[in-house]
Protein backbone atom coordinates (compact mmCIF):
# COMPACT_ATOMS: atom_id res chain seq x y z
CA MET A 1 90.47 133.74 99.20
CA THR A 2 88.30 132.46 96.34
CA ALA A 3 91.12 133.01 93.88
CA GLU A 4 93.38 130.76 95.96
CA ILE A 5 90.81 127.94 96.14
CA VAL A 6 89.82 127.92 92.47
CA PRO A 7 92.97 126.08 91.23
CA GLY A 8 92.39 123.28 93.73
CA LEU A 9 88.76 122.90 92.63
CA ARG A 10 89.80 122.87 89.00
CA ALA A 11 92.11 119.96 89.83
CA LEU A 12 88.95 118.09 90.91
CA GLY A 13 87.51 118.43 87.41
CA MET A 14 85.61 121.72 87.71
CA ASN A 15 86.02 124.41 85.06
CA GLU A 16 86.75 127.98 86.12
CA TYR A 17 83.09 129.06 86.23
CA GLU A 18 82.08 126.01 88.29
CA ALA A 19 84.96 126.56 90.72
CA ASN A 20 84.02 130.22 91.14
CA VAL A 21 80.34 129.44 91.69
CA TYR A 22 81.02 126.64 94.19
CA SER A 23 83.58 128.57 96.24
CA THR A 24 81.25 131.61 96.27
CA LEU A 25 78.35 129.52 97.54
CA VAL A 26 80.57 127.97 100.23
CA GLY A 27 81.22 131.49 101.46
CA LEU A 28 77.55 132.51 101.29
CA GLN A 29 76.29 129.13 102.59
CA LYS A 30 72.87 129.75 101.04
CA ALA A 31 71.93 132.09 98.21
CA THR A 32 69.82 132.61 95.10
CA ALA A 33 71.21 132.35 91.60
CA ARG A 34 71.14 136.13 91.34
CA ASP A 35 73.18 136.56 94.54
CA ILE A 36 75.75 134.04 93.34
CA HIS A 37 75.99 135.74 89.95
CA GLU A 38 76.61 139.14 91.52
CA VAL A 39 79.28 137.91 93.97
CA SER A 40 81.10 135.45 91.71
CA GLY A 41 81.05 137.51 88.53
CA VAL A 42 80.06 134.45 86.51
CA PRO A 43 77.79 135.47 83.58
CA ARG A 44 74.10 135.33 84.49
CA GLY A 45 73.33 133.23 81.42
CA ARG A 46 75.54 130.43 82.78
CA ILE A 47 74.53 130.47 86.45
CA TYR A 48 71.54 128.10 86.31
CA GLU A 49 73.35 125.62 84.10
CA ILE A 50 76.32 125.53 86.47
CA LEU A 51 74.23 125.34 89.65
CA ASN A 52 72.15 122.47 88.28
CA ASP A 53 75.30 120.61 87.24
CA LEU A 54 76.89 121.05 90.69
CA ALA A 55 73.68 119.79 92.28
CA ARG A 56 73.65 116.75 89.98
CA ARG A 57 77.26 115.93 90.95
CA GLY A 58 76.44 116.14 94.67
CA PHE A 59 78.30 119.33 95.63
CA ILE A 60 75.23 121.45 96.45
CA ALA A 61 71.50 121.09 97.03
CA VAL A 62 68.45 123.08 95.89
CA GLU A 63 65.69 124.47 98.07
CA GLU A 64 62.62 124.95 95.91
CA GLY A 65 60.92 128.33 96.06
CA SER A 66 60.39 131.50 94.14
CA PRO A 67 63.18 132.13 93.60
CA ALA A 68 64.98 128.85 94.36
CA SER A 69 67.84 128.92 96.82
CA TYR A 70 71.04 126.92 96.72
CA TYR A 71 73.12 125.70 99.63
CA VAL A 72 76.30 123.66 100.07
CA LEU A 73 76.26 120.10 101.31
CA GLU A 74 78.57 119.01 104.16
CA ILE A 75 82.07 119.57 102.78
CA ASP A 76 83.71 116.64 104.65
CA VAL A 77 81.07 114.22 103.39
CA VAL A 78 81.36 115.48 99.81
CA PHE A 79 85.14 115.31 99.70
CA ASP A 80 85.35 111.91 101.42
CA ARG A 81 83.02 110.60 98.71
CA LEU A 82 85.18 112.18 96.01
CA LYS A 83 88.29 110.57 97.50
CA ASP A 84 86.66 107.14 97.64
CA ASP A 85 85.41 107.51 94.05
CA TYR A 86 88.86 108.57 92.87
CA ILE A 87 90.63 105.65 94.57
CA ARG A 88 88.07 103.20 93.22
CA SER A 89 88.50 104.63 89.73
CA LEU A 90 92.28 104.25 90.00
CA ASP A 91 91.96 100.63 91.10
CA GLU A 92 89.50 99.81 88.32
CA THR A 93 91.70 101.48 85.71
CA ARG A 94 94.80 99.67 86.97
CA GLU A 95 93.07 96.28 86.76
CA ALA A 96 91.70 97.10 83.32
CA LEU A 97 95.19 98.01 82.08
CA LYS A 98 96.68 94.84 83.57
CA SER A 99 94.07 92.76 81.79
CA LEU A 100 95.21 94.29 78.50
CA SER A 101 98.86 93.40 78.97
CA VAL A 102 100.12 90.73 76.62
CA LYS A 103 103.54 89.18 76.88
CA PRO A 104 105.36 90.58 73.86
CA HIS A 105 107.17 88.37 71.40
CA LEU A 106 110.65 89.61 72.13
CA PRO A 107 113.91 88.35 70.72
CA PRO A 108 116.07 86.23 73.06
CA VAL A 109 117.32 88.27 75.99
CA SER A 110 121.04 88.99 75.81
CA PHE A 111 123.33 89.73 78.70
CA PHE A 112 123.58 93.35 79.76
CA ILE A 113 125.51 95.36 82.32
CA LEU A 114 124.47 97.53 85.28
CA ARG A 115 126.93 100.25 86.19
CA SER A 116 125.35 102.04 89.18
CA ASP A 117 125.31 100.93 92.82
CA TRP A 118 121.59 101.78 93.09
CA ALA A 119 120.70 99.56 90.13
CA ILE A 120 122.85 96.70 91.45
CA GLU A 121 121.38 96.85 94.96
CA ASN A 122 117.87 97.04 93.55
CA HIS A 123 118.45 93.99 91.34
CA ILE A 124 119.97 91.98 94.19
CA SER A 125 116.95 92.71 96.40
CA SER A 126 114.65 91.74 93.54
CA LEU A 127 116.45 88.40 93.02
CA PHE A 128 116.28 87.46 96.71
CA ARG A 129 112.63 88.52 96.87
CA ARG A 130 111.35 86.60 93.86
CA VAL A 131 113.33 83.35 94.12
CA LYS A 132 110.86 80.45 94.31
CA LYS A 133 112.74 77.15 94.26
CA SER A 134 116.52 77.32 94.27
CA MET A 135 119.53 79.60 94.27
CA VAL A 136 123.20 78.91 93.67
CA ILE A 137 125.69 81.55 94.82
CA LEU A 138 129.19 81.14 93.41
CA CYS A 139 130.95 83.33 95.93
CA HIS A 140 134.40 84.81 95.38
CA ASN A 141 134.41 87.07 98.44
CA PRO A 142 133.10 86.29 101.96
CA GLU A 143 132.29 89.98 102.43
CA PHE A 144 129.40 89.58 100.01
CA LEU A 145 127.77 86.96 102.27
CA ARG A 146 128.34 89.05 105.37
CA ARG A 147 126.85 92.11 103.70
CA TYR A 148 123.64 90.33 102.63
CA TYR A 149 123.50 87.71 105.38
CA THR A 150 120.22 88.94 106.92
CA ILE A 151 118.52 88.67 103.51
CA ILE A 152 120.07 85.35 102.47
CA LYS A 153 119.69 83.44 105.76
CA PRO A 154 115.83 83.27 105.76
CA LEU A 155 115.94 81.73 102.26
CA GLU A 156 117.58 78.61 103.67
CA ARG A 157 114.21 77.47 105.10
CA LYS A 158 112.25 78.19 101.91
CA ILE A 159 114.35 77.12 98.93
CA GLY A 160 117.26 74.95 97.90
CA LEU A 161 120.18 77.25 98.75
CA TYR A 162 123.75 76.44 97.72
CA VAL A 163 126.67 78.74 98.47
CA VAL A 164 129.72 77.48 96.57
CA VAL A 165 133.20 78.73 97.48
CA ARG A 166 136.82 78.00 96.54
CA ARG A 167 138.14 77.49 100.07
CA LYS A 168 135.63 76.84 102.82
CA GLU A 169 137.97 77.90 105.66
CA GLU A 170 137.80 81.50 104.43
CA TYR A 171 134.07 81.50 105.25
CA ALA A 172 134.29 80.29 108.84
CA GLY A 173 131.63 81.83 111.06
CA ILE A 174 129.13 82.40 108.22
CA ASN A 175 126.18 80.18 109.09
CA LEU A 176 124.94 79.30 105.61
CA PRO A 177 124.92 76.07 103.56
CA ILE A 178 128.44 76.50 102.18
CA TYR A 179 129.98 73.96 99.81
CA GLU A 180 133.60 73.79 98.76
CA ALA A 181 133.90 73.50 95.00
CA GLU A 182 135.30 70.36 93.45
CA GLY A 183 136.05 69.22 89.92
CA THR A 184 134.52 71.26 87.12
CA VAL A 185 132.75 73.57 89.61
CA ILE A 186 136.17 74.94 90.56
CA GLU A 187 136.58 76.12 86.98
CA LEU A 188 133.36 78.10 87.24
CA LEU A 189 134.62 79.83 90.37
CA ASP A 190 137.92 80.60 88.69
CA ALA A 191 136.11 82.08 85.67
CA ARG A 192 135.42 85.82 85.64
CA PRO A 193 132.75 87.98 84.02
CA ALA A 194 133.92 89.51 80.77
CA MET A 195 134.71 93.02 81.98
CA ASP A 196 137.34 95.29 80.47
CA GLU A 197 138.04 97.45 83.52
CA SER A 198 140.76 96.50 85.97
CA GLY A 199 141.21 97.20 89.64
CA PRO A 200 144.32 98.58 91.41
CA ASP A 201 147.56 97.34 89.88
CA GLY A 202 145.54 95.63 87.14
CA VAL A 203 143.96 93.15 89.61
CA ARG A 204 140.21 92.65 89.34
CA VAL A 205 138.30 91.44 92.42
CA ASP A 206 134.97 89.64 91.84
CA GLU A 207 132.18 89.32 94.40
CA CYS A 208 129.88 86.55 93.21
CA ALA A 209 127.75 84.97 90.51
CA ILE A 210 124.15 84.01 91.32
CA LEU A 211 121.88 81.54 89.52
CA VAL A 212 118.18 81.73 90.40
CA ASP A 213 115.43 79.20 89.63
CA GLY A 214 117.21 78.03 86.52
CA ARG A 215 116.39 81.25 84.66
CA ASP A 216 118.26 84.27 86.07
CA PHE A 217 122.00 84.90 86.07
CA PHE A 218 123.64 87.74 87.99
CA ALA A 219 127.38 88.37 88.45
CA ILE A 220 129.02 91.24 90.35
CA ALA A 221 132.55 92.48 89.82
CA ALA A 222 134.51 95.38 91.30
CA ALA A 223 136.98 97.14 89.04
CA GLY A 224 138.99 100.04 90.39
CA SER A 225 136.53 102.36 92.12
CA GLY A 226 133.59 101.00 90.13
CA ARG A 227 131.20 98.13 90.76
CA TYR A 228 129.48 96.37 87.88
CA ALA A 229 126.92 93.63 87.35
CA VAL A 230 126.35 91.32 84.39
CA ILE A 231 122.75 90.10 84.01
CA GLY A 232 120.99 87.50 81.90
CA SER A 233 117.59 85.80 82.12
CA ASP A 234 115.25 83.29 80.46
CA MET A 235 118.12 81.44 78.82
CA PRO A 236 118.19 77.60 78.67
CA LEU A 237 121.92 77.63 79.41
CA ILE A 238 121.27 79.13 82.87
CA GLY A 239 118.93 76.29 83.84
CA TYR A 240 121.36 73.67 82.60
CA LEU A 241 124.28 75.29 84.42
CA GLN A 242 122.41 75.56 87.74
CA LYS A 243 121.17 71.97 87.56
CA THR A 244 124.64 70.69 86.73
CA ILE A 245 126.25 72.55 89.66
CA VAL A 246 123.70 71.17 92.14
CA GLU A 247 124.18 67.63 90.83
CA ARG A 248 127.97 67.94 91.15
CA LEU A 249 127.61 69.19 94.74
CA HIS A 250 125.36 66.25 95.69
CA ASP A 251 127.70 63.78 93.99
CA ALA A 252 130.64 65.19 95.93
């Protein structure tokens, strides 16, 4: 039994001798150093050092006498304290590491592509979660709005939300602030992300392009059996483009 417990105790920071001594004393409940040495097999020259260290760390207690006896403290109390100490240490270390973080001086962020459904879904959720002020969705396919309706709809009360489409009648029944594109905005809807892949019969079907808070750009395209996303962020052009679209919608 002791051999099975020792690895777990070592994971708590005990060395092999300490784990053997502690688990032996748990079994004996109360014993002298000599008794613990004989049962545990830990060298006699190390017993007192180990027992005193375990007592200092709050695992066991000492009953003075000649010879002194050692006994285990309440296991639940000891381990609850260890758990609290460990969690507190994790929290303190996390905060200390966060305080060290410095925004790196990175080169301008370029556009990049996501090519897995998991990555795309994760990024969409992240965009909808962190939007603060405004979002423009240039939508090519009403199925996109239906698919994410329960996530998009609550944003209408919190931010400036603009869903821009080519033909509004195709989006009947979708209760969102939908605007039909006019003028130069139509050209944006007719534009496509620069993807090489093609869908069936060479036809590529796009889902949407999303502009968030004047800093994030996200476009989704389906090509054949694949689904891809083009991403960009922290680019002045994105802010200008989003502002221009909103102004054109209000003017219309």
